[in-house]
Amino acid sequence: MPSLAVVCGNAGTGKTTWAKRVAQRRSAALLDLDTVSERVVMAAQRELGRSENDRDSAEYKRVFRDAVHETLFAIARDCAGPVVIVAPFTLERRLPNFSEWLAGKCGRSVQVHYFVCDEQVREARLRSRGNPRDAAKLEDYAAYRAIAPYEPPPAYPHLRFDTTHAFPGEPELVSSDEG
């Protein structure tokens, strides 16, 4: 079964930077949720008269969330070699069987890379990166934090990275045959 590394966690924890490193090291296809869905979601949001940068409202989630995730999984299933997916998976990563759920969705053996960091550091990163999709989060960061809080380690097998003080270095990259 082809391998799948899933890099998940809240916005601003370093998921995308890490996923790019892992994909390069493993010569894997990189499937970033934002890249896979960005242009279609922006066009649809404009057509619906909504902000094209909205990814946090209840309406966005009602209309797009499942379809965007299922598209990501379908692309992963179609890839011939190893795959790295980067996405928050805010609700799904809380499932006690998240790894098995992903394996079923993608038809691949799964290794979860779980990213966290201190709330003040995360908020500062979101403010400094200037991504228009973060605007709604930063308008009311306390409300965003309530739906995407710092979490204890999950029960399922995973590699946990706390990027509060430092970003993981190359020795912590795992080979594609682990997990």
C-alpha atoms as a PDB file:
ATOM      1  CA  MET A   1       0.000   0.000   0.000  1.00  0.00           C
ATOM      2  CA  PRO A   2       1.485   3.415  -0.932  1.00  0.00           C
ATOM      3  CA  SER A   3       2.430   5.696   1.954  1.00  0.00           C
ATOM      4  CA  LEU A   4       0.690   8.863   3.078  1.00  0.00           C
ATOM      5  CA  ALA A   5       2.064  11.439   5.497  1.00  0.00           C
ATOM      6  CA  VAL A   6      -0.632  13.754   6.834  1.00  0.00           C
ATOM      7  CA  VAL A   7       0.585  17.014   8.350  1.00  0.00           C
ATOM      8  CA  CYS A   8      -2.184  18.533  10.461  1.00  0.00           C
ATOM      9  CA  GLY A   9      -2.706  21.131  13.158  1.00  0.00           C
ATOM     10  CA  ASN A  10      -3.937  24.661  13.606  1.00  0.00           C
ATOM     11  CA  ALA A  11      -3.085  27.586  11.347  1.00  0.00           C
ATOM     12  CA  GLY A  12       0.313  29.123  12.055  1.00  0.00           C
ATOM     13  CA  THR A  13       1.981  26.023  13.529  1.00  0.00           C
ATOM     14  CA  GLY A  14       4.308  25.332  10.568  1.00  0.00           C
ATOM     15  CA  LYS A  15       2.386  22.591   8.761  1.00  0.00           C
ATOM     16  CA  THR A  16       3.039  23.760   5.201  1.00  0.00           C
ATOM     17  CA  THR A  17       6.746  24.405   5.722  1.00  0.00           C
ATOM     18  CA  TRP A  18       7.171  20.920   7.202  1.00  0.00           C
ATOM     19  CA  ALA A  19       5.009  19.216   4.565  1.00  0.00           C
ATOM     20  CA  LYS A  20       7.164  20.689   1.794  1.00  0.00           C
ATOM     21  CA  ARG A  21      10.292  19.310   3.469  1.00  0.00           C
ATOM     22  CA  VAL A  22       8.796  15.855   3.945  1.00  0.00           C
ATOM     23  CA  ALA A  23       7.489  15.740   0.358  1.00  0.00           C
ATOM     24  CA  GLN A  24      10.883  16.738  -1.018  1.00  0.00           C
ATOM     25  CA  ARG A  25      12.717  14.193   1.146  1.00  0.00           C
ATOM     26  CA  ARG A  26      10.345  11.396   0.157  1.00  0.00           C
ATOM     27  CA  SER A  27       9.967  12.443  -3.497  1.00  0.00           C
ATOM     28  CA  ALA A  28       6.256  12.534  -2.751  1.00  0.00           C
ATOM     29  CA  ALA A  29       3.326  14.405  -4.255  1.00  0.00           C
ATOM     30  CA  LEU A  30       2.428  17.368  -2.023  1.00  0.00           C
ATOM     31  CA  LEU A  31      -1.300  17.959  -1.683  1.00  0.00           C
ATOM     32  CA  ASP A  32      -1.942  21.193   0.193  1.00  0.00           C
ATOM     33  CA  LEU A  33      -5.638  21.676   0.985  1.00  0.00           C
ATOM     34  CA  ASP A  34      -5.372  25.378   0.118  1.00  0.00           C
ATOM     35  CA  THR A  35      -3.633  24.808  -3.210  1.00  0.00           C
ATOM     36  CA  VAL A  36      -5.971  21.983  -4.242  1.00  0.00           C
ATOM     37  CA  SER A  37      -9.120  24.021  -3.540  1.00  0.00           C
ATOM     38  CA  GLU A  38      -8.097  27.689  -3.610  1.00  0.00           C
ATOM     39  CA  ARG A  39      -9.117  28.830  -7.094  1.00  0.00           C
ATOM     40  CA  VAL A  40     -12.408  26.941  -7.210  1.00  0.00           C
ATOM     41  CA  VAL A  41     -13.422  28.088  -3.723  1.00  0.00           C
ATOM     42  CA  MET A  42     -12.500  31.709  -4.466  1.00  0.00           C
ATOM     43  CA  ALA A  43     -14.551  31.705  -7.690  1.00  0.00           C
ATOM     44  CA  ALA A  44     -17.547  30.141  -5.970  1.00  0.00           C
ATOM     45  CA  GLN A  45     -17.349  32.507  -3.002  1.00  0.00           C
ATOM     46  CA  ARG A  46     -17.317  35.520  -5.361  1.00  0.00           C
ATOM     47  CA  GLU A  47     -20.281  34.069  -7.269  1.00  0.00           C
ATOM     48  CA  LEU A  48     -22.163  33.593  -3.976  1.00  0.00           C
ATOM     49  CA  GLY A  49     -21.401  37.211  -2.994  1.00  0.00           C
ATOM     50  CA  ARG A  50     -19.113  36.221  -0.135  1.00  0.00           C
ATOM     51  CA  SER A  51     -15.523  37.058   0.704  1.00  0.00           C
ATOM     52  CA  GLU A  52     -13.254  34.916  -1.443  1.00  0.00           C
ATOM     53  CA  ASN A  53     -10.906  34.570   1.530  1.00  0.00           C
ATOM     54  CA  ASP A  54     -13.497  33.122   3.928  1.00  0.00           C
ATOM     55  CA  ARG A  55     -12.503  29.688   5.183  1.00  0.00           C
ATOM     56  CA  ASP A  56     -13.850  29.954   8.709  1.00  0.00           C
ATOM     57  CA  SER A  57     -17.540  30.875   8.566  1.00  0.00           C
ATOM     58  CA  ALA A  58     -20.321  28.385   9.163  1.00  0.00           C
ATOM     59  CA  GLU A  59     -21.540  29.011   5.598  1.00  0.00           C
ATOM     60  CA  TYR A  60     -18.132  28.200   4.102  1.00  0.00           C
ATOM     61  CA  LYS A  61     -17.967  24.996   6.103  1.00  0.00           C
ATOM     62  CA  ARG A  62     -21.542  24.008   5.193  1.00  0.00           C
ATOM     63  CA  VAL A  63     -21.008  24.518   1.458  1.00  0.00           C
ATOM     64  CA  PHE A  64     -17.362  23.572   0.891  1.00  0.00           C
ATOM     65  CA  ARG A  65     -15.745  21.631   3.742  1.00  0.00           C
ATOM     66  CA  ASP A  66     -16.758  18.073   2.892  1.00  0.00           C
ATOM     67  CA  ALA A  67     -16.387  18.555  -0.869  1.00  0.00           C
ATOM     68  CA  VAL A  68     -12.903  20.045  -0.500  1.00  0.00           C
ATOM     69  CA  HIS A  69     -11.757  17.195   1.771  1.00  0.00           C
ATOM     70  CA  GLU A  70     -13.242  14.510  -0.475  1.00  0.00           C
ATOM     71  CA  THR A  71     -11.476  16.084  -3.484  1.00  0.00           C
ATOM     72  CA  LEU A  72      -8.202  15.975  -1.578  1.00  0.00           C
ATOM     73  CA  PHE A  73      -8.711  12.298  -0.727  1.00  0.00           C
ATOM     74  CA  ALA A  74      -9.646  11.424  -4.332  1.00  0.00           C
ATOM     75  CA  ILE A  75      -6.441  13.026  -5.623  1.00  0.00           C
ATOM     76  CA  ALA A  76      -4.412  11.139  -2.994  1.00  0.00           C
ATOM     77  CA  ARG A  77      -5.994   7.838  -4.080  1.00  0.00           C
ATOM     78  CA  ASP A  78      -5.123   8.588  -7.729  1.00  0.00           C
ATOM     79  CA  CYS A  79      -1.433   9.305  -7.060  1.00  0.00           C
ATOM     80  CA  ALA A  80       0.896   6.448  -7.953  1.00  0.00           C
ATOM     81  CA  GLY A  81       3.655   7.071  -5.394  1.00  0.00           C
ATOM     82  CA  PRO A  82       3.976   8.472  -1.887  1.00  0.00           C
ATOM     83  CA  VAL A  83       1.805  11.444  -0.924  1.00  0.00           C
ATOM     84  CA  VAL A  84       2.011  14.190   1.697  1.00  0.00           C
ATOM     85  CA  ILE A  85      -1.251  15.953   2.602  1.00  0.00           C
ATOM     86  CA  VAL A  86      -1.219  19.195   4.562  1.00  0.00           C
ATOM     87  CA  ALA A  87      -4.527  20.373   6.037  1.00  0.00           C
ATOM     88  CA  PRO A  88      -5.781  21.483   9.453  1.00  0.00           C
ATOM     89  CA  PHE A  89      -8.311  18.630   9.814  1.00  0.00           C
ATOM     90  CA  THR A  90      -9.659  20.607  12.780  1.00  0.00           C
ATOM     91  CA  LEU A  91     -12.528  18.223  13.537  1.00  0.00           C
ATOM     92  CA  GLU A  92     -11.197  14.997  12.065  1.00  0.00           C
ATOM     93  CA  ARG A  93      -7.892  14.985  13.968  1.00  0.00           C
ATOM     94  CA  ARG A  94      -9.929  14.723  17.169  1.00  0.00           C
ATOM     95  CA  LEU A  95     -11.295  11.336  16.117  1.00  0.00           C
ATOM     96  CA  PRO A  96      -9.786   8.530  18.207  1.00  0.00           C
ATOM     97  CA  ASN A  97      -9.313   6.524  14.988  1.00  0.00           C
ATOM     98  CA  PHE A  98      -8.065   9.413  12.802  1.00  0.00           C
ATOM     99  CA  SER A  99      -5.227   7.373  11.252  1.00  0.00           C
ATOM    100  CA  GLU A 100      -7.546   4.519  10.284  1.00  0.00           C
ATOM    101  CA  TRP A 101     -10.171   6.969   9.014  1.00  0.00           C
ATOM    102  CA  LEU A 102      -7.554   8.598   6.752  1.00  0.00           C
ATOM    103  CA  ALA A 103      -6.304   5.216   5.535  1.00  0.00           C
ATOM    104  CA  GLY A 104      -9.848   4.304   4.559  1.00  0.00           C
ATOM    105  CA  LYS A 105     -10.411   7.614   2.778  1.00  0.00           C
ATOM    106  CA  CYS A 106      -7.110   7.545   0.877  1.00  0.00           C
ATOM    107  CA  GLY A 107      -6.385   3.826   0.444  1.00  0.00           C
ATOM    108  CA  ARG A 108      -2.882   4.243   1.881  1.00  0.00           C
ATOM    109  CA  SER A 109      -0.912   3.494   5.016  1.00  0.00           C
ATOM    110  CA  VAL A 110      -0.858   6.679   7.084  1.00  0.00           C
ATOM    111  CA  GLN A 111       1.643   8.472   9.270  1.00  0.00           C
ATOM    112  CA  VAL A 112       0.271  11.531  11.097  1.00  0.00           C
ATOM    113  CA  HIS A 113       2.524  14.527  11.767  1.00  0.00           C
ATOM    114  CA  TYR A 114       0.673  16.558  14.402  1.00  0.00           C
ATOM    115  CA  PHE A 115       1.687  20.227  14.832  1.00  0.00           C
ATOM    116  CA  VAL A 116       1.011  22.519  17.809  1.00  0.00           C
ATOM    117  CA  CYS A 117       2.441  25.707  19.269  1.00  0.00           C
ATOM    118  CA  ASP A 118       1.743  28.229  22.014  1.00  0.00           C
ATOM    119  CA  GLU A 119      -1.285  30.458  21.346  1.00  0.00           C
ATOM    120  CA  GLN A 120       0.592  33.778  21.582  1.00  0.00           C
ATOM    121  CA  VAL A 121       3.256  32.544  19.165  1.00  0.00           C
ATOM    122  CA  ARG A 122       0.641  31.222  16.783  1.00  0.00           C
ATOM    123  CA  GLU A 123      -1.306  34.480  16.794  1.00  0.00           C
ATOM    124  CA  ALA A 124       1.893  36.473  16.168  1.00  0.00           C
ATOM    125  CA  ARG A 125       2.736  34.193  13.231  1.00  0.00           C
ATOM    126  CA  LEU A 126      -0.722  34.653  11.733  1.00  0.00           C
ATOM    127  CA  ARG A 127      -0.425  38.434  12.071  1.00  0.00           C
ATOM    128  CA  SER A 128       3.051  38.553  10.550  1.00  0.00           C
ATOM    129  CA  ARG A 129       2.445  36.296   7.559  1.00  0.00           C
ATOM    130  CA  GLY A 130      -0.177  38.591   6.057  1.00  0.00           C
ATOM    131  CA  ASN A 131      -2.333  35.864   4.489  1.00  0.00           C
ATOM    132  CA  PRO A 132      -5.759  37.277   3.519  1.00  0.00           C
ATOM    133  CA  ARG A 133      -7.394  34.012   4.656  1.00  0.00           C
ATOM    134  CA  ASP A 134      -6.263  34.803   8.209  1.00  0.00           C
ATOM    135  CA  ALA A 135      -8.152  38.132   8.380  1.00  0.00           C
ATOM    136  CA  ALA A 136     -11.343  36.629   9.812  1.00  0.00           C
ATOM    137  CA  LYS A 137      -9.356  34.644  12.381  1.00  0.00           C
ATOM    138  CA  LEU A 138      -7.537  37.778  13.509  1.00  0.00           C
ATOM    139  CA  GLU A 139     -10.667  39.983  13.686  1.00  0.00           C
ATOM    140  CA  ASP A 140     -11.797  37.938  16.681  1.00  0.00           C
ATOM    141  CA  TYR A 141      -8.889  35.721  17.620  1.00  0.00           C
ATOM    142  CA  ALA A 142     -10.545  34.612  20.874  1.00  0.00           C
ATOM    143  CA  ALA A 143     -13.480  33.185  18.903  1.00  0.00           C
ATOM    144  CA  TYR A 144     -11.128  31.472  16.445  1.00  0.00           C
ATOM    145  CA  ARG A 145      -9.100  30.054  19.320  1.00  0.00           C
ATOM    146  CA  ALA A 146     -12.288  28.558  20.756  1.00  0.00           C
ATOM    147  CA  ILE A 147     -12.806  26.468  17.592  1.00  0.00           C
ATOM    148  CA  ALA A 148      -9.091  25.706  17.114  1.00  0.00           C
ATOM    149  CA  PRO A 149      -7.564  25.461  20.608  1.00  0.00           C
ATOM    150  CA  TYR A 150      -4.204  24.114  21.724  1.00  0.00           C
ATOM    151  CA  GLU A 151      -4.810  20.409  22.185  1.00  0.00           C
ATOM    152  CA  PRO A 152      -3.311  17.592  24.226  1.00  0.00           C
ATOM    153  CA  PRO A 153      -1.606  14.795  22.289  1.00  0.00           C
ATOM    154  CA  PRO A 154      -4.102  12.546  20.523  1.00  0.00           C
ATOM    155  CA  ALA A 155      -4.472   8.863  21.385  1.00  0.00           C
ATOM    156  CA  TYR A 156      -3.731   7.530  17.886  1.00  0.00           C
ATOM    157  CA  PRO A 157      -0.150   6.937  16.674  1.00  0.00           C
ATOM    158  CA  HIS A 158       1.473  10.178  15.511  1.00  0.00           C
ATOM    159  CA  LEU A 159       4.625  12.270  15.450  1.00  0.00           C
ATOM    160  CA  ARG A 160       3.973  15.399  17.520  1.00  0.00           C
ATOM    161  CA  PHE A 161       5.857  18.616  16.854  1.00  0.00           C
ATOM    162  CA  ASP A 162       5.593  21.646  19.146  1.00  0.00           C
ATOM    163  CA  THR A 163       6.984  24.592  17.165  1.00  0.00           C
ATOM    164  CA  THR A 164       6.610  27.177  19.939  1.00  0.00           C
ATOM    165  CA  HIS A 165      10.358  27.668  20.404  1.00  0.00           C
ATOM    166  CA  ALA A 166      11.953  25.937  17.437  1.00  0.00           C
ATOM    167  CA  PHE A 167      11.065  24.338  14.156  1.00  0.00           C
ATOM    168  CA  PRO A 168      11.969  20.647  13.704  1.00  0.00           C
ATOM    169  CA  GLY A 169      15.296  20.056  12.024  1.00  0.00           C
ATOM    170  CA  GLU A 170      16.271  17.632   9.299  1.00  0.00           C
ATOM    171  CA  PRO A 171      17.258  14.796  11.706  1.00  0.00           C
ATOM    172  CA  GLU A 172      13.621  14.652  12.794  1.00  0.00           C
ATOM    173  CA  LEU A 173      12.417  13.949   9.262  1.00  0.00           C
ATOM    174  CA  VAL A 174      11.294  10.376   9.102  1.00  0.00           C
ATOM    175  CA  SER A 175      11.803   8.059   6.195  1.00  0.00           C
ATOM    176  CA  SER A 176       8.890   6.975   4.047  1.00  0.00           C
ATOM    177  CA  ASP A 177       9.090   3.394   5.338  1.00  0.00           C
ATOM    178  CA  GLU A 178       8.315   4.424   8.926  1.00  0.00           C
ATOM    179  CA  GLY A 179       4.786   4.719  10.311  1.00  0.00           C
END
